[in-house]
C-alpha atoms as a PDB file:
ATOM      1  CA  MET A   1     149.291 165.810  98.076  1.00  0.00           C
ATOM      2  CA  PHE A   2     151.615 162.780  97.453  1.00  0.00           C
ATOM      3  CA  THR A   3     154.523 161.625  95.771  1.00  0.00           C
ATOM      4  CA  GLY A   4     154.388 158.566  94.298  1.00  0.00           C
ATOM      5  CA  ILE A   5     156.210 157.026  96.032  1.00  0.00           C
ATOM      6  CA  VAL A   6     154.735 153.684  96.865  1.00  0.00           C
ATOM      7  CA  GLU A   7     154.801 152.729 100.708  1.00  0.00           C
ATOM      8  CA  GLU A   8     153.050 149.699 100.608  1.00  0.00           C
ATOM      9  CA  LEU A   9     151.729 146.446  98.614  1.00  0.00           C
ATOM     10  CA  GLY A  10     148.173 146.159 100.249  1.00  0.00           C
ATOM     11  CA  GLU A  11     145.467 144.059  99.255  1.00  0.00           C
ATOM     12  CA  VAL A  12     141.723 144.313  98.852  1.00  0.00           C
ATOM     13  CA  THR A  13     139.915 142.053 101.686  1.00  0.00           C
ATOM     14  CA  GLY A  14     136.311 143.864 101.403  1.00  0.00           C
ATOM     15  CA  ARG A  15     134.058 145.703  99.204  1.00  0.00           C
ATOM     16  CA  ASP A  16     130.314 146.392  99.949  1.00  0.00           C
ATOM     17  CA  ALA A  17     128.050 148.169  97.746  1.00  0.00           C
ATOM     18  CA  LEU A  18     126.090 151.388  98.510  1.00  0.00           C
ATOM     19  CA  ALA A  19     123.834 153.672  96.621  1.00  0.00           C
ATOM     20  CA  GLU A  20     125.908 154.818  93.879  1.00  0.00           C
ATOM     21  CA  ALA A  21     129.532 154.368  95.382  1.00  0.00           C
ATOM     22  CA  ALA A  22     131.115 151.776  96.879  1.00  0.00           C
ATOM     23  CA  ARG A  23     133.047 151.083 100.574  1.00  0.00           C
ATOM     24  CA  LEU A  24     136.354 149.932  99.810  1.00  0.00           C
ATOM     25  CA  ILE A  25     138.204 147.574 102.795  1.00  0.00           C
ATOM     26  CA  ILE A  26     141.826 147.822 102.424  1.00  0.00           C
ATOM     27  CA  ARG A  27     144.726 145.872 104.580  1.00  0.00           C
ATOM     28  CA  GLY A  28     147.971 148.033 104.829  1.00  0.00           C
ATOM     29  CA  PRO A  29     149.514 148.140 108.314  1.00  0.00           C
ATOM     30  CA  VAL A  30     152.186 150.298 106.835  1.00  0.00           C
ATOM     31  CA  VAL A  31     149.833 153.208 106.102  1.00  0.00           C
ATOM     32  CA  THR A  32     147.228 152.560 108.457  1.00  0.00           C
ATOM     33  CA  ALA A  33     150.098 152.917 111.366  1.00  0.00           C
ATOM     34  CA  ASP A  34     149.356 156.767 112.312  1.00  0.00           C
ATOM     35  CA  ALA A  35     145.772 157.091 110.289  1.00  0.00           C
ATOM     36  CA  GLY A  36     142.528 158.471 111.723  1.00  0.00           C
ATOM     37  CA  HIS A  37     139.205 159.367 110.337  1.00  0.00           C
ATOM     38  CA  GLY A  38     139.306 162.110 107.480  1.00  0.00           C
ATOM     39  CA  ASP A  39     143.002 161.278 106.613  1.00  0.00           C
ATOM     40  CA  SER A  40     144.179 160.316 102.884  1.00  0.00           C
ATOM     41  CA  ILE A  41     145.502 157.942 101.237  1.00  0.00           C
ATOM     42  CA  ALA A  42     145.966 156.799  97.889  1.00  0.00           C
ATOM     43  CA  VAL A  43     145.233 153.856  96.239  1.00  0.00           C
ATOM     44  CA  ASN A  44     146.472 153.125  93.173  1.00  0.00           C
ATOM     45  CA  GLY A  45     146.975 156.707  92.492  1.00  0.00           C
ATOM     46  CA  VAL A  46     142.987 157.733  93.696  1.00  0.00           C
ATOM     47  CA  CYS A  47     143.554 159.594  96.712  1.00  0.00           C
ATOM     48  CA  LEU A  48     140.396 158.523  99.189  1.00  0.00           C
ATOM     49  CA  THR A  49     139.936 159.280 102.181  1.00  0.00           C
ATOM     50  CA  VAL A  50     139.724 157.008 105.353  1.00  0.00           C
ATOM     51  CA  VAL A  51     136.076 156.247 107.314  1.00  0.00           C
ATOM     52  CA  GLU A  52     137.590 154.216 109.710  1.00  0.00           C
ATOM     53  CA  VAL A  53     140.918 152.664 110.701  1.00  0.00           C
ATOM     54  CA  LEU A  54     140.005 148.744 111.506  1.00  0.00           C
ATOM     55  CA  SER A  55     141.706 145.867 113.312  1.00  0.00           C
ATOM     56  CA  ASP A  56     144.657 143.891 111.970  1.00  0.00           C
ATOM     57  CA  GLY A  57     146.477 147.309 109.914  1.00  0.00           C
ATOM     58  CA  ARG A  58     142.730 147.619 107.712  1.00  0.00           C
ATOM     59  CA  PHE A  59     140.778 150.609 106.867  1.00  0.00           C
ATOM     60  CA  SER A  60     137.659 151.644 104.773  1.00  0.00           C
ATOM     61  CA  ALA A  61     137.130 153.820 102.133  1.00  0.00           C
ATOM     62  CA  ASP A  62     134.070 155.082 100.190  1.00  0.00           C
ATOM     63  CA  VAL A  63     134.643 155.275  96.488  1.00  0.00           C
ATOM     64  CA  MET A  64     131.352 157.240  94.532  1.00  0.00           C
ATOM     65  CA  ALA A  65     130.498 156.191  91.351  1.00  0.00           C
ATOM     66  CA  GLU A  66     132.242 158.630  89.476  1.00  0.00           C
ATOM     67  CA  THR A  67     135.845 157.131  90.794  1.00  0.00           C
ATOM     68  CA  LEU A  68     134.751 153.415  89.590  1.00  0.00           C
ATOM     69  CA  ASN A  69     134.024 154.491  86.343  1.00  0.00           C
ATOM     70  CA  ARG A  70     136.977 156.959  85.744  1.00  0.00           C
ATOM     71  CA  SER A  71     139.434 154.711  87.453  1.00  0.00           C
ATOM     72  CA  ASN A  72     140.414 151.005  88.063  1.00  0.00           C
ATOM     73  CA  LEU A  73     138.520 151.198  91.502  1.00  0.00           C
ATOM     74  CA  GLY A  74     135.807 149.975  89.797  1.00  0.00           C
ATOM     75  CA  GLU A  75     137.793 145.873  89.121  1.00  0.00           C
ATOM     76  CA  LEU A  76     138.933 145.941  92.868  1.00  0.00           C
ATOM     77  CA  ARG A  77     137.647 142.845  94.786  1.00  0.00           C
ATOM     78  CA  PRO A  78     138.708 141.237  97.799  1.00  0.00           C
ATOM     79  CA  GLY A  79     142.101 139.685  96.821  1.00  0.00           C
ATOM     80  CA  SER A  80     143.073 142.704  94.620  1.00  0.00           C
ATOM     81  CA  ARG A  81     146.121 144.185  95.699  1.00  0.00           C
ATOM     82  CA  VAL A  82     147.128 147.941  95.224  1.00  0.00           C
ATOM     83  CA  ASN A  83     149.791 150.143  95.712  1.00  0.00           C
ATOM     84  CA  LEU A  84     149.383 152.433  99.020  1.00  0.00           C
ATOM     85  CA  GLU A  85     150.697 155.633  99.814  1.00  0.00           C
ATOM     86  CA  ARG A  86     149.964 158.168 102.426  1.00  0.00           C
ATOM     87  CA  ALA A  87     149.898 162.221 102.079  1.00  0.00           C
ATOM     88  CA  ALA A  88     153.176 163.606 101.990  1.00  0.00           C
ATOM     89  CA  ALA A  89     154.071 165.174 105.262  1.00  0.00           C
ATOM     90  CA  VAL A  90     155.086 168.940 104.943  1.00  0.00           C
ATOM     91  CA  ASN A  91     158.596 168.173 106.237  1.00  0.00           C
ATOM     92  CA  SER A  92     159.527 165.461 104.343  1.00  0.00           C
ATOM     93  CA  ARG A  93     162.022 164.939 101.035  1.00  0.00           C
ATOM     94  CA  LEU A  94     159.353 164.944  97.845  1.00  0.00           C
ATOM     95  CA  GLY A  95     161.479 161.253  96.468  1.00  0.00           C
ATOM     96  CA  GLY A  96     158.897 161.525  93.074  1.00  0.00           C
ATOM     97  CA  HIS A  97     157.197 164.296  91.994  1.00  0.00           C
ATOM     98  CA  ILE A  98     153.784 166.069  92.801  1.00  0.00           C
ATOM     99  CA  VAL A  99     151.109 163.799  92.801  1.00  0.00           C
ATOM    100  CA  GLN A 100     147.000 165.222  93.469  1.00  0.00           C
ATOM    101  CA  GLY A 101     145.532 161.754  93.415  1.00  0.00           C
ATOM    102  CA  HIS A 102     143.097 162.899  90.715  1.00  0.00           C
ATOM    103  CA  VAL A 103     143.170 159.963  87.329  1.00  0.00           C
ATOM    104  CA  ASP A 104     143.222 161.717  84.386  1.00  0.00           C
ATOM    105  CA  GLY A 105     142.518 158.745  82.804  1.00  0.00           C
ATOM    106  CA  THR A 106     143.568 154.517  82.458  1.00  0.00           C
ATOM    107  CA  GLY A 107     145.680 153.341  80.021  1.00  0.00           C
ATOM    108  CA  GLU A 108     146.178 149.636  79.359  1.00  0.00           C
ATOM    109  CA  ILE A 109     150.026 147.976  79.236  1.00  0.00           C
ATOM    110  CA  VAL A 110     149.841 146.658  76.289  1.00  0.00           C
ATOM    111  CA  SER A 111     153.537 145.115  76.275  1.00  0.00           C
ATOM    112  CA  ARG A 112     156.397 143.831  78.741  1.00  0.00           C
ATOM    113  CA  THR A 113     160.041 143.864  77.531  1.00  0.00           C
ATOM    114  CA  PRO A 114     162.130 142.487  80.447  1.00  0.00           C
ATOM    115  CA  SER A 115     166.210 142.210  80.658  1.00  0.00           C
ATOM    116  CA  GLU A 116     169.061 141.300  83.077  1.00  0.00           C
ATOM    117  CA  HIS A 117     168.218 144.515  85.422  1.00  0.00           C
ATOM    118  CA  TRP A 118     164.961 146.474  84.637  1.00  0.00           C
ATOM    119  CA  GLU A 119     161.557 146.036  82.107  1.00  0.00           C
ATOM    120  CA  VAL A 120     160.077 148.023  79.332  1.00  0.00           C
ATOM    121  CA  VAL A 121     156.431 148.183  80.182  1.00  0.00           C
ATOM    122  CA  ARG A 122     154.364 149.689  77.188  1.00  0.00           C
ATOM    123  CA  VAL A 123     151.122 151.817  77.888  1.00  0.00           C
ATOM    124  CA  ARG A 124     148.111 152.556  75.629  1.00  0.00           C
ATOM    125  CA  MET A 125     147.010 156.197  77.178  1.00  0.00           C
ATOM    126  CA  PRO A 126     143.980 158.369  75.712  1.00  0.00           C
ATOM    127  CA  ALA A 127     144.340 162.077  73.775  1.00  0.00           C
ATOM    128  CA  THR A 128     143.289 163.326  76.927  1.00  0.00           C
ATOM    129  CA  VAL A 129     146.666 162.228  78.303  1.00  0.00           C
ATOM    130  CA  ALA A 130     148.517 162.116  75.617  1.00  0.00           C
ATOM    131  CA  ARG A 131     148.844 165.710  75.143  1.00  0.00           C
ATOM    132  CA  TYR A 132     150.889 165.909  78.780  1.00  0.00           C
ATOM    133  CA  VAL A 133     152.867 163.381  78.128  1.00  0.00           C
ATOM    134  CA  VAL A 134     156.587 163.866  77.107  1.00  0.00           C
ATOM    135  CA  GLU A 135     159.748 161.777  77.354  1.00  0.00           C
ATOM    136  CA  LYS A 136     162.138 162.303  80.360  1.00  0.00           C
ATOM    137  CA  GLY A 137     158.646 163.718  82.303  1.00  0.00           C
ATOM    138  CA  SER A 138     157.070 162.694  85.218  1.00  0.00           C
ATOM    139  CA  ILE A 139     153.634 160.390  85.233  1.00  0.00           C
ATOM    140  CA  THR A 140     151.897 158.678  87.648  1.00  0.00           C
ATOM    141  CA  VAL A 141     150.875 154.817  86.784  1.00  0.00           C
ATOM    142  CA  ASP A 142     148.207 153.382  89.397  1.00  0.00           C
ATOM    143  CA  GLY A 143     150.008 155.760  91.732  1.00  0.00           C
ATOM    144  CA  ILE A 144     153.658 155.193  91.373  1.00  0.00           C
ATOM    145  CA  SER A 145     155.942 158.155  90.157  1.00  0.00           C
ATOM    146  CA  LEU A 146     157.710 157.215  86.728  1.00  0.00           C
ATOM    147  CA  THR A 147     159.823 158.862  84.352  1.00  0.00           C
ATOM    148  CA  VAL A 148     158.576 158.065  80.634  1.00  0.00           C
ATOM    149  CA  SER A 149     161.398 156.582  78.570  1.00  0.00           C
ATOM    150  CA  GLY A 150     159.969 156.066  75.557  1.00  0.00           C
ATOM    151  CA  LEU A 151     156.859 158.188  73.659  1.00  0.00           C
ATOM    152  CA  GLY A 152     155.213 157.039  70.905  1.00  0.00           C
ATOM    153  CA  ALA A 153     155.531 158.672  67.373  1.00  0.00           C
ATOM    154  CA  ASP A 154     152.690 158.066  65.045  1.00  0.00           C
ATOM    155  CA  PRO A 155     150.307 157.339  65.857  1.00  0.00           C
ATOM    156  CA  TYR A 156     151.405 159.510  69.636  1.00  0.00           C
ATOM    157  CA  ASP A 157     148.992 156.997  71.713  1.00  0.00           C
ATOM    158  CA  TRP A 158     151.360 155.109  73.219  1.00  0.00           C
ATOM    159  CA  PHE A 159     154.249 155.881  75.986  1.00  0.00           C
ATOM    160  CA  GLU A 160     156.992 153.263  78.206  1.00  0.00           C
ATOM    161  CA  VAL A 161     158.227 153.215  81.185  1.00  0.00           C
ATOM    162  CA  SER A 162     161.515 151.536  82.617  1.00  0.00           C
ATOM    163  CA  LEU A 163     160.397 149.538  85.772  1.00  0.00           C
ATOM    164  CA  ILE A 164     163.979 149.115  88.160  1.00  0.00           C
ATOM    165  CA  PRO A 165     163.883 146.075  90.434  1.00  0.00           C
ATOM    166  CA  THR A 166     162.540 147.888  93.391  1.00  0.00           C
ATOM    167  CA  THR A 167     159.344 148.740  91.490  1.00  0.00           C
ATOM    168  CA  ARG A 168     158.926 145.396  90.311  1.00  0.00           C
ATOM    169  CA  GLU A 169     159.025 143.828  93.491  1.00  0.00           C
ATOM    170  CA  LEU A 170     157.030 146.214  95.369  1.00  0.00           C
ATOM    171  CA  THR A 171     153.994 147.614  93.731  1.00  0.00           C
ATOM    172  CA  THR A 172     151.071 145.782  91.563  1.00  0.00           C
ATOM    173  CA  LEU A 173     152.965 147.189  88.390  1.00  0.00           C
ATOM    174  CA  GLY A 174     155.675 144.452  88.730  1.00  0.00           C
ATOM    175  CA  THR A 175     153.365 141.810  87.819  1.00  0.00           C
ATOM    176  CA  SER A 176     150.415 143.309  86.268  1.00  0.00           C
ATOM    177  CA  PRO A 177     150.077 141.273  82.849  1.00  0.00           C
ATOM    178  CA  VAL A 178     149.265 142.991  78.991  1.00  0.00           C
ATOM    179  CA  GLY A 179     146.311 144.219  79.496  1.00  0.00           C
ATOM    180  CA  THR A 180     145.765 145.318  83.035  1.00  0.00           C
ATOM    181  CA  GLN A 181     143.960 149.060  83.427  1.00  0.00           C
ATOM    182  CA  VAL A 182     146.017 151.205  84.944  1.00  0.00           C
ATOM    183  CA  ASN A 183     145.166 154.718  86.638  1.00  0.00           C
ATOM    184  CA  LEU A 184     147.276 157.739  85.163  1.00  0.00           C
ATOM    185  CA  GLU A 185     147.712 161.147  86.073  1.00  0.00           C
ATOM    186  CA  VAL A 186     149.526 163.640  84.908  1.00  0.00           C
ATOM    187  CA  ASP A 187     152.445 166.581  85.999  1.00  0.00           C
ATOM    188  CA  VAL A 188     150.174 168.884  87.509  1.00  0.00           C
ATOM    189  CA  ILE A 189     152.316 171.553  86.198  1.00  0.00           C
ATOM    190  CA  ALA A 190     151.606 170.448  82.381  1.00  0.00           C
ATOM    191  CA  LYS A 191     148.036 171.138  82.462  1.00  0.00           C
ATOM    192  CA  TYR A 192     148.866 174.758  84.574  1.00  0.00           C
ATOM    193  CA  VAL A 193     151.027 175.481  80.999  1.00  0.00           C
ATOM    194  CA  GLU A 194     148.398 175.206  78.998  1.00  0.00           C
ATOM    195  CA  ARG A 195     146.284 176.729  81.140  1.00  0.00           C
ATOM    196  CA  LEU A 196     147.977 179.633  81.145  1.00  0.00           C
ATOM    197  CA  LEU A 197     148.742 179.468  77.255  1.00  0.00           C
ATOM    198  CA  GLN A 198     145.058 179.182  76.607  1.00  0.00           C
ATOM    199  CA  HIS A 199     144.284 182.608  78.836  1.00  0.00           C
ATOM    200  CA  LYS A 200     147.052 184.226  77.079  1.00  0.00           C
ATOM    201  CA  ASP A 201     145.998 183.308  73.393  1.00  0.00           C
ATOM    202  CA  ASP A 202     142.388 184.663  74.070  1.00  0.00           C
ATOM    203  CA  SER A 203     143.776 187.958  75.814  1.00  0.00           C
ATOM    204  CA  ALA A 204     145.291 188.583  72.356  1.00  0.00           C
ATOM    205  CA  GLY A 205     142.115 188.253  70.654  1.00  0.00           C
ATOM    206  CA  ALA A 206     140.319 190.113  72.515  1.00  0.00           C
END
């Protein structure tokens, strides 16, 4: 489990093709400081398992084809910047919200509106994600826990988030241009509520 509070802006230093997979080499001295084989690290919001901790604060992780196809990890190349977060410790504060590291879909940045103290970023989202998104609710964008500050009404296919200076400076979302594909994970509580309501309806009709 993660919190969506990015600990470090890392960099992809290598990518090796495997059979229906890829091995990524990522530099992240903060997240590798206490990491070991088998630990979980979120990379742009995708939970990956550490294969090996290497020198110079680097680690390797294998990414299967399904993950490469369903997230923006398939676009990563040496030099790409990525958001990194270690799994939450049981005794840590939950600074963001409950994040599983399981991407529900990808969105696309369609506009950026800067102001003096923050920047509003609009993201187009697929219908499979939109059904779970509510204004003032939580959403994870490339591993960043954010609050939905605006929501499209007709059509219901975009949401907006407002970035404070810290988020702009310390995450990839601060410099991602219009057209960038981003990983989206909705609040897992919304999915559980939907499932429970479906089960209730099924029981009532039985």
